[in-house]
mmCIF file of all heavy atoms, coordinates in Angstrom:
data_MODEL
# 
_entry.id   MODEL 
# 
loop_
_atom_site.group_PDB 
_atom_site.id 
_atom_site.type_symbol 
_atom_site.label_atom_id 
_atom_site.label_alt_id 
_atom_site.label_comp_id 
_atom_site.label_asym_id 
_atom_site.label_entity_id 
_atom_site.label_seq_id 
_atom_site.pdbx_PDB_ins_code 
_atom_site.Cartn_x 
_atom_site.Cartn_y 
_atom_site.Cartn_z 
_atom_site.occupancy 
_atom_site.B_iso_or_equiv 
_atom_site.pdbx_formal_charge 
_atom_site.auth_seq_id 
_atom_site.auth_comp_id 
_atom_site.auth_asym_id 
_atom_site.auth_atom_id 
_atom_site.pdbx_PDB_model_num 
ATOM 1   N N   . GLN A 1 1  ? 56.286 104.214 129.562 1.00 0.00 ? 1  GLN A N   1 
ATOM 2   C CA  . GLN A 1 1  ? 56.761 105.519 129.993 1.00 0.00 ? 1  GLN A CA  1 
ATOM 3   C C   . GLN A 1 1  ? 55.787 106.595 129.522 1.00 0.00 ? 1  GLN A C   1 
ATOM 4   O O   . GLN A 1 1  ? 55.419 106.655 128.361 1.00 0.00 ? 1  GLN A O   1 
ATOM 5   C CB  . GLN A 1 1  ? 58.162 105.777 129.419 1.00 0.00 ? 1  GLN A CB  1 
ATOM 6   C CG  . GLN A 1 1  ? 58.769 107.087 129.885 1.00 0.00 ? 1  GLN A CG  1 
ATOM 7   C CD  . GLN A 1 1  ? 60.166 107.280 129.313 1.00 0.00 ? 1  GLN A CD  1 
ATOM 8   O OE1 . GLN A 1 1  ? 60.661 106.412 128.595 1.00 0.00 ? 1  GLN A OE1 1 
ATOM 9   N NE2 . GLN A 1 1  ? 60.780 108.400 129.613 1.00 0.00 ? 1  GLN A NE2 1 
ATOM 10  N N   . ARG A 1 2  ? 55.351 107.448 130.441 1.00 0.00 ? 2  ARG A N   1 
ATOM 11  C CA  . ARG A 1 2  ? 54.362 108.465 130.095 1.00 0.00 ? 2  ARG A CA  1 
ATOM 12  C C   . ARG A 1 2  ? 54.991 109.533 129.207 1.00 0.00 ? 2  ARG A C   1 
ATOM 13  O O   . ARG A 1 2  ? 56.121 109.963 129.433 1.00 0.00 ? 2  ARG A O   1 
ATOM 14  C CB  . ARG A 1 2  ? 53.772 109.113 131.348 1.00 0.00 ? 2  ARG A CB  1 
ATOM 15  C CG  . ARG A 1 2  ? 52.990 108.152 132.227 1.00 0.00 ? 2  ARG A CG  1 
ATOM 16  C CD  . ARG A 1 2  ? 52.332 108.895 133.375 1.00 0.00 ? 2  ARG A CD  1 
ATOM 17  N NE  . ARG A 1 2  ? 51.386 109.888 132.908 1.00 0.00 ? 2  ARG A NE  1 
ATOM 18  C CZ  . ARG A 1 2  ? 50.113 109.617 132.572 1.00 0.00 ? 2  ARG A CZ  1 
ATOM 19  N NH1 . ARG A 1 2  ? 49.687 108.367 132.660 1.00 0.00 ? 2  ARG A NH1 1 
ATOM 20  N NH2 . ARG A 1 2  ? 49.303 110.566 132.162 1.00 0.00 ? 2  ARG A NH2 1 
ATOM 21  N N   . PRO A 1 3  ? 54.250 109.975 128.177 1.00 0.00 ? 3  PRO A N   1 
ATOM 22  C CA  . PRO A 1 3  ? 54.799 111.024 127.309 1.00 0.00 ? 3  PRO A CA  1 
ATOM 23  C C   . PRO A 1 3  ? 54.828 112.363 128.025 1.00 0.00 ? 3  PRO A C   1 
ATOM 24  O O   . PRO A 1 3  ? 54.165 112.560 129.057 1.00 0.00 ? 3  PRO A O   1 
ATOM 25  C CB  . PRO A 1 3  ? 53.800 111.045 126.140 1.00 0.00 ? 3  PRO A CB  1 
ATOM 26  C CG  . PRO A 1 3  ? 52.528 110.529 126.720 1.00 0.00 ? 3  PRO A CG  1 
ATOM 27  C CD  . PRO A 1 3  ? 52.924 109.521 127.757 1.00 0.00 ? 3  PRO A CD  1 
ATOM 28  N N   . THR A 1 4  ? 55.574 113.274 127.458 1.00 0.00 ? 4  THR A N   1 
ATOM 29  C CA  . THR A 1 4  ? 55.632 114.622 128.020 1.00 0.00 ? 4  THR A CA  1 
ATOM 30  C C   . THR A 1 4  ? 54.271 115.293 127.870 1.00 0.00 ? 4  THR A C   1 
ATOM 31  O O   . THR A 1 4  ? 53.451 114.890 127.031 1.00 0.00 ? 4  THR A O   1 
ATOM 32  C CB  . THR A 1 4  ? 56.705 115.448 127.294 1.00 0.00 ? 4  THR A CB  1 
ATOM 33  O OG1 . THR A 1 4  ? 56.313 115.578 125.914 1.00 0.00 ? 4  THR A OG1 1 
ATOM 34  C CG2 . THR A 1 4  ? 58.064 114.763 127.369 1.00 0.00 ? 4  THR A CG2 1 
ATOM 35  N N   . PRO A 1 5  ? 53.979 116.321 128.665 1.00 0.00 ? 5  PRO A N   1 
ATOM 36  C CA  . PRO A 1 5  ? 52.679 117.008 128.549 1.00 0.00 ? 5  PRO A CA  1 
ATOM 37  C C   . PRO A 1 5  ? 52.388 117.509 127.143 1.00 0.00 ? 5  PRO A C   1 
ATOM 38  O O   . PRO A 1 5  ? 51.247 117.405 126.674 1.00 0.00 ? 5  PRO A O   1 
ATOM 39  C CB  . PRO A 1 5  ? 52.808 118.163 129.547 1.00 0.00 ? 5  PRO A CB  1 
ATOM 40  C CG  . PRO A 1 5  ? 53.787 117.663 130.574 1.00 0.00 ? 5  PRO A CG  1 
ATOM 41  C CD  . PRO A 1 5  ? 54.766 116.832 129.799 1.00 0.00 ? 5  PRO A CD  1 
ATOM 42  N N   . ASP A 1 6  ? 53.400 118.048 126.457 1.00 0.00 ? 6  ASP A N   1 
ATOM 43  C CA  . ASP A 1 6  ? 53.165 118.529 125.090 1.00 0.00 ? 6  ASP A CA  1 
ATOM 44  C C   . ASP A 1 6  ? 52.802 117.383 124.152 1.00 0.00 ? 6  ASP A C   1 
ATOM 45  O O   . ASP A 1 6  ? 51.878 117.492 123.334 1.00 0.00 ? 6  ASP A O   1 
ATOM 46  C CB  . ASP A 1 6  ? 54.415 119.246 124.569 1.00 0.00 ? 6  ASP A CB  1 
ATOM 47  C CG  . ASP A 1 6  ? 54.673 120.551 125.309 1.00 0.00 ? 6  ASP A CG  1 
ATOM 48  O OD1 . ASP A 1 6  ? 53.720 121.046 125.956 1.00 0.00 ? 6  ASP A OD1 1 
ATOM 49  O OD2 . ASP A 1 6  ? 55.814 121.058 125.244 1.00 0.00 ? 6  ASP A OD2 1 
ATOM 50  N N   . ARG A 1 7  ? 53.520 116.277 124.272 1.00 0.00 ? 7  ARG A N   1 
ATOM 51  C CA  . ARG A 1 7  ? 53.229 115.125 123.416 1.00 0.00 ? 7  ARG A CA  1 
ATOM 52  C C   . ARG A 1 7  ? 51.857 114.543 123.752 1.00 0.00 ? 7  ARG A C   1 
ATOM 53  O O   . ARG A 1 7  ? 51.110 114.118 122.855 1.00 0.00 ? 7  ARG A O   1 
ATOM 54  C CB  . ARG A 1 7  ? 54.324 114.077 123.587 1.00 0.00 ? 7  ARG A CB  1 
ATOM 55  C CG  . ARG A 1 7  ? 54.137 112.826 122.722 1.00 0.00 ? 7  ARG A CG  1 
ATOM 56  C CD  . ARG A 1 7  ? 54.057 113.140 121.243 1.00 0.00 ? 7  ARG A CD  1 
ATOM 57  N NE  . ARG A 1 7  ? 55.209 113.831 120.750 1.00 0.00 ? 7  ARG A NE  1 
ATOM 58  C CZ  . ARG A 1 7  ? 56.344 113.233 120.349 1.00 0.00 ? 7  ARG A CZ  1 
ATOM 59  N NH1 . ARG A 1 7  ? 56.428 111.921 120.384 1.00 0.00 ? 7  ARG A NH1 1 
ATOM 60  N NH2 . ARG A 1 7  ? 57.343 113.953 119.902 1.00 0.00 ? 7  ARG A NH2 1 
ATOM 61  N N   . GLN A 1 8  ? 51.497 114.516 125.032 1.00 0.00 ? 8  GLN A N   1 
ATOM 62  C CA  . GLN A 1 8  ? 50.190 113.994 125.413 1.00 0.00 ? 8  GLN A CA  1 
ATOM 63  C C   . GLN A 1 8  ? 49.073 114.852 124.823 1.00 0.00 ? 8  GLN A C   1 
ATOM 64  O O   . GLN A 1 8  ? 48.040 114.333 124.358 1.00 0.00 ? 8  GLN A O   1 
ATOM 65  C CB  . GLN A 1 8  ? 50.075 113.948 126.935 1.00 0.00 ? 8  GLN A CB  1 
ATOM 66  C CG  . GLN A 1 8  ? 48.783 113.323 127.446 1.00 0.00 ? 8  GLN A CG  1 
ATOM 67  C CD  . GLN A 1 8  ? 48.680 111.858 127.087 1.00 0.00 ? 8  GLN A CD  1 
ATOM 68  O OE1 . GLN A 1 8  ? 49.500 111.051 127.492 1.00 0.00 ? 8  GLN A OE1 1 
ATOM 69  N NE2 . GLN A 1 8  ? 47.667 111.501 126.311 1.00 0.00 ? 8  GLN A NE2 1 
ATOM 70  N N   . ALA A 1 9  ? 49.268 116.156 124.822 1.00 0.00 ? 9  ALA A N   1 
ATOM 71  C CA  . ALA A 1 9  ? 48.259 117.054 124.237 1.00 0.00 ? 9  ALA A CA  1 
ATOM 72  C C   . ALA A 1 9  ? 48.111 116.803 122.737 1.00 0.00 ? 9  ALA A C   1 
ATOM 73  O O   . ALA A 1 9  ? 46.990 116.832 122.190 1.00 0.00 ? 9  ALA A O   1 
ATOM 74  C CB  . ALA A 1 9  ? 48.659 118.507 124.501 1.00 0.00 ? 9  ALA A CB  1 
ATOM 75  N N   . GLU A 1 10 ? 49.226 116.563 122.046 1.00 0.00 ? 10 GLU A N   1 
ATOM 76  C CA  . GLU A 1 10 ? 49.158 116.249 120.615 1.00 0.00 ? 10 GLU A CA  1 
ATOM 77  C C   . GLU A 1 10 ? 48.388 114.959 120.374 1.00 0.00 ? 10 GLU A C   1 
ATOM 78  O O   . GLU A 1 10 ? 47.594 114.852 119.430 1.00 0.00 ? 10 GLU A O   1 
ATOM 79  C CB  . GLU A 1 10 ? 50.577 116.132 120.049 1.00 0.00 ? 10 GLU A CB  1 
ATOM 80  C CG  . GLU A 1 10 ? 51.342 117.450 120.010 1.00 0.00 ? 10 GLU A CG  1 
ATOM 81  C CD  . GLU A 1 10 ? 52.747 117.262 119.466 1.00 0.00 ? 10 GLU A CD  1 
ATOM 82  O OE1 . GLU A 1 10 ? 53.048 116.144 119.000 1.00 0.00 ? 10 GLU A OE1 1 
ATOM 83  O OE2 . GLU A 1 10 ? 53.538 118.216 119.510 1.00 0.00 ? 10 GLU A OE2 1 
ATOM 84  N N   . LEU A 1 11 ? 48.620 113.948 121.229 1.00 0.00 ? 11 LEU A N   1 
ATOM 85  C CA  . LEU A 1 11 ? 47.913 112.675 121.077 1.00 0.00 ? 11 LEU A CA  1 
ATOM 86  C C   . LEU A 1 11 ? 46.413 112.848 121.266 1.00 0.00 ? 11 LEU A C   1 
ATOM 87  O O   . LEU A 1 11 ? 45.609 112.267 120.540 1.00 0.00 ? 11 LEU A O   1 
ATOM 88  C CB  . LEU A 1 11 ? 48.457 111.652 122.072 1.00 0.00 ? 11 LEU A CB  1 
ATOM 89  C CG  . LEU A 1 11 ? 49.880 111.151 121.815 1.00 0.00 ? 11 LEU A CG  1 
ATOM 90  C CD1 . LEU A 1 11 ? 50.352 110.266 122.964 1.00 0.00 ? 11 LEU A CD1 1 
ATOM 91  C CD2 . LEU A 1 11 ? 49.922 110.374 120.512 1.00 0.00 ? 11 LEU A CD2 1 
ATOM 92  N N   . TRP A 1 12 ? 46.015 113.669 122.246 1.00 0.00 ? 12 TRP A N   1 
ATOM 93  C CA  . TRP A 1 12 ? 44.574 113.880 122.465 1.00 0.00 ? 12 TRP A CA  1 
ATOM 94  C C   . TRP A 1 12 ? 43.940 114.604 121.286 1.00 0.00 ? 12 TRP A C   1 
ATOM 95  O O   . TRP A 1 12 ? 42.775 114.352 120.941 1.00 0.00 ? 12 TRP A O   1 
ATOM 96  C CB  . TRP A 1 12 ? 44.356 114.665 123.755 1.00 0.00 ? 12 TRP A CB  1 
ATOM 97  C CG  . TRP A 1 12 ? 44.501 113.822 125.002 1.00 0.00 ? 12 TRP A CG  1 
ATOM 98  C CD1 . TRP A 1 12 ? 45.383 113.994 126.021 1.00 0.00 ? 12 TRP A CD1 1 
ATOM 99  C CD2 . TRP A 1 12 ? 43.734 112.656 125.320 1.00 0.00 ? 12 TRP A CD2 1 
ATOM 100 N NE1 . TRP A 1 12 ? 45.237 113.023 126.968 1.00 0.00 ? 12 TRP A NE1 1 
ATOM 101 C CE2 . TRP A 1 12 ? 44.218 112.177 126.570 1.00 0.00 ? 12 TRP A CE2 1 
ATOM 102 C CE3 . TRP A 1 12 ? 42.703 111.965 124.696 1.00 0.00 ? 12 TRP A CE3 1 
ATOM 103 C CZ2 . TRP A 1 12 ? 43.698 111.049 127.184 1.00 0.00 ? 12 TRP A CZ2 1 
ATOM 104 C CZ3 . TRP A 1 12 ? 42.184 110.837 125.313 1.00 0.00 ? 12 TRP A CZ3 1 
ATOM 105 C CH2 . TRP A 1 12 ? 42.674 110.388 126.537 1.00 0.00 ? 12 TRP A CH2 1 
ATOM 106 N N   . ARG A 1 13 ? 44.690 115.514 120.665 1.00 0.00 ? 13 ARG A N   1 
ATOM 107 C CA  . ARG A 1 13 ? 44.140 116.200 119.489 1.00 0.00 ? 13 ARG A CA  1 
ATOM 108 C C   . ARG A 1 13 ? 43.939 115.213 118.334 1.00 0.00 ? 13 ARG A C   1 
ATOM 109 O O   . ARG A 1 13 ? 42.977 115.298 117.573 1.00 0.00 ? 13 ARG A O   1 
ATOM 110 C CB  . ARG A 1 13 ? 45.081 117.339 119.057 1.00 0.00 ? 13 ARG A CB  1 
ATOM 111 C CG  . ARG A 1 13 ? 44.931 118.611 119.884 1.00 0.00 ? 13 ARG A CG  1 
ATOM 112 C CD  . ARG A 1 13 ? 45.586 119.789 119.187 1.00 0.00 ? 13 ARG A CD  1 
ATOM 113 N NE  . ARG A 1 13 ? 47.034 119.638 119.091 1.00 0.00 ? 13 ARG A NE  1 
ATOM 114 C CZ  . ARG A 1 13 ? 47.886 120.028 120.032 1.00 0.00 ? 13 ARG A CZ  1 
ATOM 115 N NH1 . ARG A 1 13 ? 47.434 120.587 121.157 1.00 0.00 ? 13 ARG A NH1 1 
ATOM 116 N NH2 . ARG A 1 13 ? 49.176 119.860 119.882 1.00 0.00 ? 13 ARG A NH2 1 
ATOM 117 N N   . LEU A 1 14 ? 44.863 114.239 118.198 1.00 0.00 ? 14 LEU A N   1 
ATOM 118 C CA  . LEU A 1 14 ? 44.705 113.225 117.155 1.00 0.00 ? 14 LEU A CA  1 
ATOM 119 C C   . LEU A 1 14 ? 43.461 112.374 117.390 1.00 0.00 ? 14 LEU A C   1 
ATOM 120 O O   . LEU A 1 14 ? 42.836 111.886 116.442 1.00 0.00 ? 14 LEU A O   1 
ATOM 121 C CB  . LEU A 1 14 ? 45.939 112.311 117.113 1.00 0.00 ? 14 LEU A CB  1 
ATOM 122 C CG  . LEU A 1 14 ? 47.166 112.823 116.368 1.00 0.00 ? 14 LEU A CG  1 
ATOM 123 C CD1 . LEU A 1 14 ? 48.329 111.865 116.573 1.00 0.00 ? 14 LEU A CD1 1 
ATOM 124 C CD2 . LEU A 1 14 ? 46.864 112.970 114.888 1.00 0.00 ? 14 LEU A CD2 1 
ATOM 125 N N   . ARG A 1 15 ? 43.107 112.182 118.655 1.00 0.00 ? 15 ARG A N   1 
ATOM 126 C CA  . ARG A 1 15 ? 41.979 111.312 118.996 1.00 0.00 ? 15 ARG A CA  1 
ATOM 127 C C   . ARG A 1 15 ? 40.652 112.062 119.064 1.00 0.00 ? 15 ARG A C   1 
ATOM 128 O O   . ARG A 1 15 ? 39.671 111.541 119.589 1.00 0.00 ? 15 ARG A O   1 
ATOM 129 C CB  . ARG A 1 15 ? 42.251 110.628 120.338 1.00 0.00 ? 15 ARG A CB  1 
ATOM 130 C CG  . ARG A 1 15 ? 43.428 109.669 120.272 1.00 0.00 ? 15 ARG A CG  1 
ATOM 131 C CD  . ARG A 1 15 ? 43.843 109.192 121.646 1.00 0.00 ? 15 ARG A CD  1 
ATOM 132 N NE  . ARG A 1 15 ? 44.988 108.282 121.556 1.00 0.00 ? 15 ARG A NE  1 
ATOM 133 C CZ  . ARG A 1 15 ? 45.698 107.863 122.587 1.00 0.00 ? 15 ARG A CZ  1 
ATOM 134 N NH1 . ARG A 1 15 ? 45.377 108.286 123.794 1.00 0.00 ? 15 ARG A NH1 1 
ATOM 135 N NH2 . ARG A 1 15 ? 46.707 107.052 122.437 1.00 0.00 ? 15 ARG A NH2 1 
ATOM 136 N N   . ASP A 1 16 ? 40.610 113.265 118.550 1.00 0.00 ? 16 ASP A N   1 
ATOM 137 C CA  . ASP A 1 16 ? 39.382 114.050 118.540 1.00 0.00 ? 16 ASP A CA  1 
ATOM 138 C C   . ASP A 1 16 ? 38.308 113.297 117.748 1.00 0.00 ? 16 ASP A C   1 
ATOM 139 O O   . ASP A 1 16 ? 38.455 113.070 116.541 1.00 0.00 ? 16 ASP A O   1 
ATOM 140 C CB  . ASP A 1 16 ? 39.653 115.410 117.894 1.00 0.00 ? 16 ASP A CB  1 
ATOM 141 C CG  . ASP A 1 16 ? 38.435 116.326 117.957 1.00 0.00 ? 16 ASP A CG  1 
ATOM 142 O OD1 . ASP A 1 16 ? 37.364 115.849 118.386 1.00 0.00 ? 16 ASP A OD1 1 
ATOM 143 O OD2 . ASP A 1 16 ? 38.559 117.503 117.577 1.00 0.00 ? 16 ASP A OD2 1 
ATOM 144 N N   . PRO A 1 17 ? 37.200 112.874 118.382 1.00 0.00 ? 17 PRO A N   1 
ATOM 145 C CA  . PRO A 1 17 ? 36.177 112.086 117.664 1.00 0.00 ? 17 PRO A CA  1 
ATOM 146 C C   . PRO A 1 17 ? 35.428 112.872 116.606 1.00 0.00 ? 17 PRO A C   1 
ATOM 147 O O   . PRO A 1 17 ? 34.729 112.280 115.776 1.00 0.00 ? 17 PRO A O   1 
ATOM 148 C CB  . PRO A 1 17 ? 35.245 111.642 118.803 1.00 0.00 ? 17 PRO A CB  1 
ATOM 149 C CG  . PRO A 1 17 ? 35.420 112.671 119.865 1.00 0.00 ? 17 PRO A CG  1 
ATOM 150 C CD  . PRO A 1 17 ? 36.844 113.105 119.795 1.00 0.00 ? 17 PRO A CD  1 
ATOM 151 N N   . LEU A 1 18 ? 35.526 114.198 116.617 1.00 0.00 ? 18 LEU A N   1 
ATOM 152 C CA  . LEU A 1 18 ? 34.798 115.024 115.651 1.00 0.00 ? 18 LEU A CA  1 
ATOM 153 C C   . LEU A 1 18 ? 35.576 115.219 114.354 1.00 0.00 ? 18 LEU A C   1 
ATOM 154 O O   . LEU A 1 18 ? 35.059 115.827 113.418 1.00 0.00 ? 18 LEU A O   1 
ATOM 155 C CB  . LEU A 1 18 ? 34.476 116.386 116.269 1.00 0.00 ? 18 LEU A CB  1 
ATOM 156 C CG  . LEU A 1 18 ? 33.615 116.346 117.536 1.00 0.00 ? 18 LEU A CG  1 
ATOM 157 C CD1 . LEU A 1 18 ? 33.387 117.758 118.071 1.00 0.00 ? 18 LEU A CD1 1 
ATOM 158 C CD2 . LEU A 1 18 ? 32.290 115.649 117.250 1.00 0.00 ? 18 LEU A CD2 1 
ATOM 159 N N   . ARG A 1 19 ? 36.805 114.702 114.294 1.00 0.00 ? 19 ARG A N   1 
ATOM 160 C CA  . ARG A 1 19 ? 37.612 114.881 113.097 1.00 0.00 ? 19 ARG A CA  1 
ATOM 161 C C   . ARG A 1 19 ? 37.876 113.517 112.438 1.00 0.00 ? 19 ARG A C   1 
ATOM 162 O O   . ARG A 1 19 ? 38.023 112.518 113.105 1.00 0.00 ? 19 ARG A O   1 
ATOM 163 C CB  . ARG A 1 19 ? 38.945 115.549 113.437 1.00 0.00 ? 19 ARG A CB  1 
ATOM 164 C CG  . ARG A 1 19 ? 38.800 116.936 114.051 1.00 0.00 ? 19 ARG A CG  1 
ATOM 165 C CD  . ARG A 1 19 ? 40.148 117.587 114.235 1.00 0.00 ? 19 ARG A CD  1 
ATOM 166 N NE  . ARG A 1 19 ? 40.819 117.818 112.961 1.00 0.00 ? 19 ARG A NE  1 
ATOM 167 C CZ  . ARG A 1 19 ? 42.033 118.348 112.858 1.00 0.00 ? 19 ARG A CZ  1 
ATOM 168 N NH1 . ARG A 1 19 ? 42.695 118.693 113.948 1.00 0.00 ? 19 ARG A NH1 1 
ATOM 169 N NH2 . ARG A 1 19 ? 42.588 118.536 111.682 1.00 0.00 ? 19 ARG A NH2 1 
ATOM 170 N N   . SER A 1 20 ? 37.919 113.508 111.111 1.00 0.00 ? 20 SER A N   1 
ATOM 171 C CA  . SER A 1 20 ? 38.240 112.296 110.348 1.00 0.00 ? 20 SER A CA  1 
ATOM 172 C C   . SER A 1 20 ? 39.550 112.518 109.609 1.00 0.00 ? 20 SER A C   1 
ATOM 173 O O   . SER A 1 20 ? 39.643 113.401 108.751 1.00 0.00 ? 20 SER A O   1 
ATOM 174 C CB  . SER A 1 20 ? 37.116 111.981 109.344 1.00 0.00 ? 20 SER A CB  1 
ATOM 175 O OG  . SER A 1 20 ? 35.929 111.661 110.007 1.00 0.00 ? 20 SER A OG  1 
ATOM 176 N N   . TYR A 1 21 ? 40.531 111.719 109.942 1.00 0.00 ? 21 TYR A N   1 
ATOM 177 C CA  . TYR A 1 21 ? 41.843 111.854 109.316 1.00 0.00 ? 21 TYR A CA  1 
ATOM 178 C C   . TYR A 1 21 ? 41.993 110.859 108.171 1.00 0.00 ? 21 TYR A C   1 
ATOM 179 O O   . TYR A 1 21 ? 41.540 109.723 108.254 1.00 0.00 ? 21 TYR A O   1 
ATOM 180 C CB  . TYR A 1 21 ? 42.941 111.583 110.347 1.00 0.00 ? 21 TYR A CB  1 
ATOM 181 C CG  . TYR A 1 21 ? 43.064 112.635 111.408 1.00 0.00 ? 21 TYR A CG  1 
ATOM 182 C CD1 . TYR A 1 21 ? 42.381 112.505 112.618 1.00 0.00 ? 21 TYR A CD1 1 
ATOM 183 C CD2 . TYR A 1 21 ? 43.864 113.761 111.212 1.00 0.00 ? 21 TYR A CD2 1 
ATOM 184 C CE1 . TYR A 1 21 ? 42.488 113.463 113.608 1.00 0.00 ? 21 TYR A CE1 1 
ATOM 185 C CE2 . TYR A 1 21 ? 43.981 114.726 112.200 1.00 0.00 ? 21 TYR A CE2 1 
ATOM 186 C CZ  . TYR A 1 21 ? 43.289 114.581 113.390 1.00 0.00 ? 21 TYR A CZ  1 
ATOM 187 O OH  . TYR A 1 21 ? 43.394 115.532 114.360 1.00 0.00 ? 21 TYR A OH  1 
ATOM 188 N N   . ASN A 1 22 ? 42.626 111.292 107.100 1.00 0.00 ? 22 ASN A N   1 
ATOM 189 C CA  . ASN A 1 22 ? 43.055 110.338 106.084 1.00 0.00 ? 22 ASN A CA  1 
ATOM 190 C C   . ASN A 1 22 ? 44.235 109.540 106.630 1.00 0.00 ? 22 ASN A C   1 
ATOM 191 O O   . ASN A 1 22 ? 45.064 110.080 107.370 1.00 0.00 ? 22 ASN A O   1 
ATOM 192 C CB  . ASN A 1 22 ? 43.467 111.059 104.799 1.00 0.00 ? 22 ASN A CB  1 
ATOM 193 C CG  . ASN A 1 22 ? 42.291 111.741 104.139 1.00 0.00 ? 22 ASN A CG  1 
ATOM 194 O OD1 . ASN A 1 22 ? 41.192 111.204 104.109 1.00 0.00 ? 22 ASN A OD1 1 
ATOM 195 N ND2 . ASN A 1 22 ? 42.510 112.939 103.622 1.00 0.00 ? 22 ASN A ND2 1 
ATOM 196 N N   . ILE A 1 23 ? 44.301 108.274 106.261 1.00 0.00 ? 23 ILE A N   1 
ATOM 197 C CA  . ILE A 1 23 ? 45.336 107.384 106.805 1.00 0.00 ? 23 ILE A CA  1 
ATOM 198 C C   . ILE A 1 23 ? 46.119 106.772 105.653 1.00 0.00 ? 23 ILE A C   1 
ATOM 199 O O   . ILE A 1 23 ? 45.528 106.202 104.730 1.00 0.00 ? 23 ILE A O   1 
ATOM 200 C CB  . ILE A 1 23 ? 44.709 106.257 107.652 1.00 0.00 ? 23 ILE A CB  1 
ATOM 201 C CG1 . ILE A 1 23 ? 43.895 106.863 108.797 1.00 0.00 ? 23 ILE A CG1 1 
ATOM 202 C CG2 . ILE A 1 23 ? 45.790 105.323 108.193 1.00 0.00 ? 23 ILE A CG2 1 
ATOM 203 C CD1 . ILE A 1 23 ? 43.029 105.839 109.505 1.00 0.00 ? 23 ILE A CD1 1 
ATOM 204 N N   . ILE A 1 24 ? 47.430 106.887 105.712 1.00 0.00 ? 24 ILE A N   1 
ATOM 205 C CA  . ILE A 1 24 ? 48.308 106.250 104.726 1.00 0.00 ? 24 ILE A CA  1 
ATOM 206 C C   . ILE A 1 24 ? 49.212 105.269 105.467 1.00 0.00 ? 24 ILE A C   1 
ATOM 207 O O   . ILE A 1 24 ? 49.917 105.642 106.402 1.00 0.00 ? 24 ILE A O   1 
ATOM 208 C CB  . ILE A 1 24 ? 49.169 107.277 103.962 1.00 0.00 ? 24 ILE A CB  1 
ATOM 209 C CG1 . ILE A 1 24 ? 48.281 108.249 103.178 1.00 0.00 ? 24 ILE A CG1 1 
ATOM 210 C CG2 . ILE A 1 24 ? 50.121 106.560 103.008 1.00 0.00 ? 24 ILE A CG2 1 
ATOM 211 C CD1 . ILE A 1 24 ? 49.057 109.327 102.444 1.00 0.00 ? 24 ILE A CD1 1 
# 
């Protein structure tokens, strides 16, 4: 099921290749 447009935008921001996230 496709996410809502707002949720999809949040997912793309998480996948930004220029940012490094700490992972727990």
